[in-house]
């Protein structure tokens, strides 16, 4: 029960990784506030539905979570979108969506969370960056840009707020077998099952990551086991380089 008595806010809670993060946190004693556009299928102590692109919603999430749970110890900025293709094929709508969800939302949530955590004596923030933000790859210009921003923000905040006993780190996955990945294959005309099997052959460990593989690293970073980690970018890639 690593998280007994802890209160956690999880964004992207309805996604493949988010659902498992919420379930694992609750199984280990945490009270969870789940944030997503549609949280009807999520079991949590508090449901905070909304659109992260709305500034007032993102700004108010930490306080809403703290009020609903009776405090706040952990923030997990898990929500994210993927825009594929070179910059010449990226629309203004794609850019706005990617910046809004991947960059502006975690920025606003962190900005609002840090004073709450500081007043409580500390806490942990785990952001979701990407191996593609640390080692940019081809044909994902906007995605790489936004995840690089999250990685840099994490490193800066990790140093700036360590003295307040607030640990801020990021998990950096490579490809993960989630509904978002499968939908991306479908949109490009591939059979998701076959595509994921073929993709797994390119990974030294022999398979694409599962959502649980990523969620368990997120929980490690949120736990006291990672008590001396600040501003770390933890790559979870099965040994596979980007590209």
Protein backbone atom coordinates (compact mmCIF):
# COMPACT_ATOMS: atom_id res chain seq x y z
CA UNK A 1 0.00 0.00 0.00
CA UNK A 2 2.55 2.58 -1.15
CA UNK A 3 -0.11 5.26 -1.51
CA UNK A 4 -2.19 4.75 1.61
CA UNK A 5 -3.79 8.07 2.51
CA UNK A 6 -2.46 9.83 -0.61
CA UNK A 7 -4.66 11.92 -2.90
CA UNK A 8 -3.93 11.95 -6.62
CA UNK A 9 -5.13 13.83 -9.70
CA UNK A 10 -4.82 11.90 -12.98
CA UNK A 11 -5.50 13.52 -16.36
CA UNK A 12 -6.26 11.43 -19.43
CA UNK A 13 -7.88 9.02 -16.96
CA UNK A 14 -10.13 7.42 -19.57
CA UNK A 15 -7.25 6.44 -21.87
CA UNK A 16 -5.48 3.11 -22.00
CA UNK A 17 -2.65 4.13 -19.68
CA UNK A 18 -4.78 6.45 -17.58
CA UNK A 19 -7.30 3.80 -16.61
CA UNK A 20 -4.54 1.52 -15.35
CA UNK A 21 -2.82 4.34 -13.46
CA UNK A 22 -6.08 5.09 -11.66
CA UNK A 23 -6.73 1.43 -10.89
CA UNK A 24 -3.20 0.80 -9.58
CA UNK A 25 -3.21 3.92 -7.42
CA UNK A 26 -6.54 2.99 -5.86
CA UNK A 27 -5.42 -0.61 -5.34
CA UNK A 28 -2.49 0.73 -3.32
CA UNK A 29 -4.57 2.97 -1.10
CA UNK A 30 -4.81 6.30 -2.92
CA UNK A 31 -7.91 8.41 -3.38
CA UNK A 32 -8.09 9.47 -7.02
CA UNK A 33 -9.61 12.39 -8.91
CA UNK A 34 -10.02 11.35 -12.56
CA UNK A 35 -9.96 14.03 -15.24
CA UNK A 36 -10.89 13.49 -18.90
CA UNK A 37 -13.51 14.52 -21.40
CA UNK A 38 -15.58 11.42 -20.63
CA UNK A 39 -14.96 9.63 -17.35
CA UNK A 40 -18.15 7.56 -17.21
CA UNK A 41 -16.26 4.26 -17.33
CA UNK A 42 -13.70 5.25 -14.71
CA UNK A 43 -13.87 4.24 -11.07
CA UNK A 44 -12.49 7.00 -8.86
CA UNK A 45 -13.31 8.94 -5.73
CA UNK A 46 -13.89 12.10 -7.77
CA UNK A 47 -14.79 12.61 -11.43
CA UNK A 48 -13.75 15.92 -12.95
CA UNK A 49 -14.86 15.84 -16.57
CA UNK A 50 -13.87 18.58 -18.98
CA UNK A 51 -11.75 19.68 -21.94
CA UNK A 52 -8.10 20.36 -21.09
CA UNK A 53 -7.98 22.92 -23.89
CA UNK A 54 -10.29 25.15 -21.86
CA UNK A 55 -8.03 27.37 -19.81
CA UNK A 56 -10.37 27.77 -16.86
CA UNK A 57 -10.84 24.00 -16.58
CA UNK A 58 -7.10 23.25 -16.65
CA UNK A 59 -6.31 26.11 -14.25
CA UNK A 60 -8.97 24.94 -11.80
CA UNK A 61 -8.32 21.19 -11.85
CA UNK A 62 -5.81 20.98 -8.98
CA UNK A 63 -7.98 23.02 -6.62
CA UNK A 64 -11.08 21.07 -7.65
CA UNK A 65 -9.24 17.81 -6.98
CA UNK A 66 -7.93 19.00 -3.64
CA UNK A 67 -11.40 20.14 -2.58
CA UNK A 68 -12.98 16.85 -3.69
CA UNK A 69 -10.37 14.61 -2.08
CA UNK A 70 -9.55 16.62 1.01
CA UNK A 71 -6.03 17.41 -0.15
CA UNK A 72 -3.60 16.71 -2.96
CA UNK A 73 -0.27 14.85 -2.93
CA UNK A 74 0.25 13.56 -6.48
CA UNK A 75 -0.44 15.02 -9.92
CA UNK A 76 -0.09 12.83 -12.99
CA UNK A 77 -0.27 14.72 -16.28
CA UNK A 78 -1.03 11.70 -18.43
CA UNK A 79 -3.31 13.19 -21.12
CA UNK A 80 -1.85 13.51 -24.60
CA UNK A 81 -2.55 13.45 -28.33
CA UNK A 82 -0.45 12.39 -31.32
CA UNK A 83 -0.32 14.38 -34.54
CA UNK A 84 1.56 12.50 -37.26
CA UNK A 85 3.24 13.76 -40.39
CA UNK A 86 5.81 16.39 -41.41
CA UNK A 87 5.19 20.04 -40.63
CA UNK A 88 4.03 20.72 -44.19
CA UNK A 89 1.09 18.38 -43.62
CA UNK A 90 0.16 19.81 -40.23
CA UNK A 91 -2.95 21.98 -40.07
CA UNK A 92 -3.57 24.87 -37.71
CA UNK A 93 -6.17 22.70 -35.99
CA UNK A 94 -3.60 19.92 -35.46
CA UNK A 95 -1.16 22.43 -34.03
CA UNK A 96 -3.71 23.99 -31.70
CA UNK A 97 -4.87 20.59 -30.42
CA UNK A 98 -1.33 19.32 -29.81
CA UNK A 99 -0.15 22.47 -28.08
CA UNK A 100 -3.34 22.74 -26.03
CA UNK A 101 -3.38 19.18 -24.69
CA UNK A 102 0.31 18.26 -24.66
CA UNK A 103 1.90 21.53 -23.53
CA UNK A 104 -0.48 24.20 -22.26
CA UNK A 105 -2.59 21.88 -20.10
CA UNK A 106 0.30 20.36 -18.13
CA UNK A 107 1.84 23.83 -17.82
CA UNK A 108 -1.37 25.22 -16.32
CA UNK A 109 -1.94 22.21 -14.08
CA UNK A 110 1.61 22.30 -12.75
CA UNK A 111 1.43 26.05 -12.18
CA UNK A 112 -1.76 25.65 -10.16
CA UNK A 113 -0.62 22.48 -8.36
CA UNK A 114 2.74 23.61 -7.04
CA UNK A 115 1.39 26.11 -4.49
CA UNK A 116 -1.09 23.50 -3.22
CA UNK A 117 1.64 20.89 -2.83
CA UNK A 118 4.02 23.39 -1.23
CA UNK A 119 1.42 24.41 1.34
CA UNK A 120 0.97 20.73 2.23
CA UNK A 121 4.70 20.17 2.70
CA UNK A 122 5.49 18.63 -0.68
CA UNK A 123 4.34 16.04 -3.18
CA UNK A 124 5.05 14.52 -6.57
CA UNK A 125 4.24 15.47 -10.15
CA UNK A 126 4.72 12.97 -12.98
CA UNK A 127 4.46 14.29 -16.53
CA UNK A 128 4.19 12.19 -19.67
CA UNK A 129 6.82 13.20 -22.20
CA UNK A 130 8.06 10.72 -24.83
CA UNK A 131 11.21 9.15 -26.19
CA UNK A 132 10.24 11.10 -29.32
CA UNK A 133 10.60 14.33 -27.38
CA UNK A 134 14.07 13.41 -26.13
CA UNK A 135 15.25 11.90 -29.44
CA UNK A 136 13.07 13.40 -32.21
CA UNK A 137 12.14 11.02 -35.02
CA UNK A 138 10.78 11.39 -38.55
CA UNK A 139 7.29 12.44 -39.64
CA UNK A 140 6.06 13.51 -36.19
CA UNK A 141 7.20 17.16 -36.17
CA UNK A 142 4.51 18.65 -33.95
CA UNK A 143 4.32 15.65 -31.62
CA UNK A 144 8.09 15.70 -31.09
CA UNK A 145 8.03 19.44 -30.51
CA UNK A 146 5.33 19.25 -27.86
CA UNK A 147 6.89 16.33 -26.02
CA UNK A 148 10.28 18.04 -26.07
CA UNK A 149 8.58 21.00 -24.42
CA UNK A 150 7.18 18.75 -21.68
CA UNK A 151 10.59 17.17 -21.14
CA UNK A 152 12.29 20.57 -20.82
CA UNK A 153 9.55 21.94 -18.58
CA UNK A 154 9.91 18.90 -16.33
CA UNK A 155 13.66 19.34 -16.00
CA UNK A 156 13.32 23.04 -15.21
CA UNK A 157 10.54 22.58 -12.66
CA UNK A 158 12.32 19.64 -11.09
CA UNK A 159 15.20 21.92 -10.15
CA UNK A 160 13.10 24.97 -9.33
CA UNK A 161 10.83 23.25 -6.82
CA UNK A 162 12.96 20.53 -5.24
CA UNK A 163 13.59 22.84 -2.27
CA UNK A 164 9.85 22.76 -1.60
CA UNK A 165 9.95 18.97 -1.35
CA UNK A 166 8.09 18.70 -4.66
CA UNK A 167 9.52 16.05 -6.95
CA UNK A 168 8.76 16.60 -10.64
CA UNK A 169 9.76 13.91 -13.13
CA UNK A 170 8.60 12.56 -16.48
CA UNK A 171 8.05 9.16 -18.01
CA UNK A 172 9.13 8.92 -21.65
CA UNK A 173 7.50 5.98 -23.45
CA UNK A 174 8.13 4.78 -26.96
CA UNK A 175 5.26 2.98 -28.74
CA UNK A 176 2.58 1.61 -26.40
CA UNK A 177 -0.26 -0.77 -27.28
CA UNK A 178 -3.19 1.51 -26.47
CA UNK A 179 -6.47 2.35 -28.22
CA UNK A 180 -4.79 5.55 -29.47
CA UNK A 181 -2.03 3.57 -31.21
CA UNK A 182 -4.53 1.11 -32.69
CA UNK A 183 -6.77 3.89 -33.95
CA UNK A 184 -3.76 5.50 -35.60
CA UNK A 185 -3.03 2.28 -37.49
CA UNK A 186 -6.67 2.00 -38.56
CA UNK A 187 -6.69 5.57 -39.90
CA UNK A 188 -3.68 4.72 -42.04
CA UNK A 189 -5.32 1.59 -43.44
CA UNK A 190 -3.46 -1.04 -41.40
CA UNK A 191 -4.89 -3.93 -39.43
CA UNK A 192 -4.03 -2.94 -35.83
CA UNK A 193 -3.33 -6.47 -34.61
CA UNK A 194 -0.95 -7.23 -37.47
CA UNK A 195 0.70 -3.80 -37.27
CA UNK A 196 1.38 -4.12 -33.54
CA UNK A 197 2.81 -7.60 -34.01
CA UNK A 198 5.14 -6.33 -36.73
CA UNK A 199 6.08 -3.30 -34.65
CA UNK A 200 6.98 -5.59 -31.78
CA UNK A 201 9.59 -7.26 -33.95
CA UNK A 202 11.51 -3.96 -34.06
CA UNK A 203 11.80 -3.84 -30.26
CA UNK A 204 14.84 -5.55 -28.68
CA UNK A 205 12.63 -6.93 -25.89
CA UNK A 206 10.44 -8.48 -28.58
CA UNK A 207 7.14 -6.70 -28.03
CA UNK A 208 5.46 -3.31 -27.92
CA UNK A 209 4.94 -1.91 -24.42
CA UNK A 210 1.64 -2.48 -22.66
CA UNK A 211 -0.17 0.27 -20.83
CA UNK A 212 0.70 -1.49 -17.58
CA UNK A 213 4.43 -1.32 -18.41
CA UNK A 214 4.16 2.48 -18.50
CA UNK A 215 1.72 2.86 -15.61
CA UNK A 216 3.99 0.99 -13.22
CA UNK A 217 6.89 3.33 -13.97
CA UNK A 218 4.57 6.29 -13.40
CA UNK A 219 3.64 4.87 -10.00
CA UNK A 220 7.31 4.36 -9.15
CA UNK A 221 8.03 8.02 -9.91
CA UNK A 222 5.05 9.08 -7.80
CA UNK A 223 6.11 6.89 -4.88
CA UNK A 224 8.61 7.37 -2.07
CA UNK A 225 10.87 4.84 -3.82
CA UNK A 226 11.78 7.70 -6.20
CA UNK A 227 12.34 10.12 -3.32
CA UNK A 228 15.72 11.34 -4.64
CA UNK A 229 14.62 11.88 -8.25
CA UNK A 230 13.98 15.44 -9.43
CA UNK A 231 13.74 16.54 -13.05
CA UNK A 232 14.43 13.04 -14.38
CA UNK A 233 13.33 11.86 -17.82
CA UNK A 234 12.81 8.11 -17.56
CA UNK A 235 12.75 6.38 -20.95
CA UNK A 236 10.62 3.23 -21.13
CA UNK A 237 11.32 1.85 -24.57
CA UNK A 238 12.16 -1.87 -24.43
CA UNK A 239 15.61 -0.97 -25.75
CA UNK A 240 14.24 0.45 -29.01
CA UNK A 241 15.69 3.72 -30.31
CA UNK A 242 13.43 6.34 -31.91
CA UNK A 243 13.11 6.20 -35.65
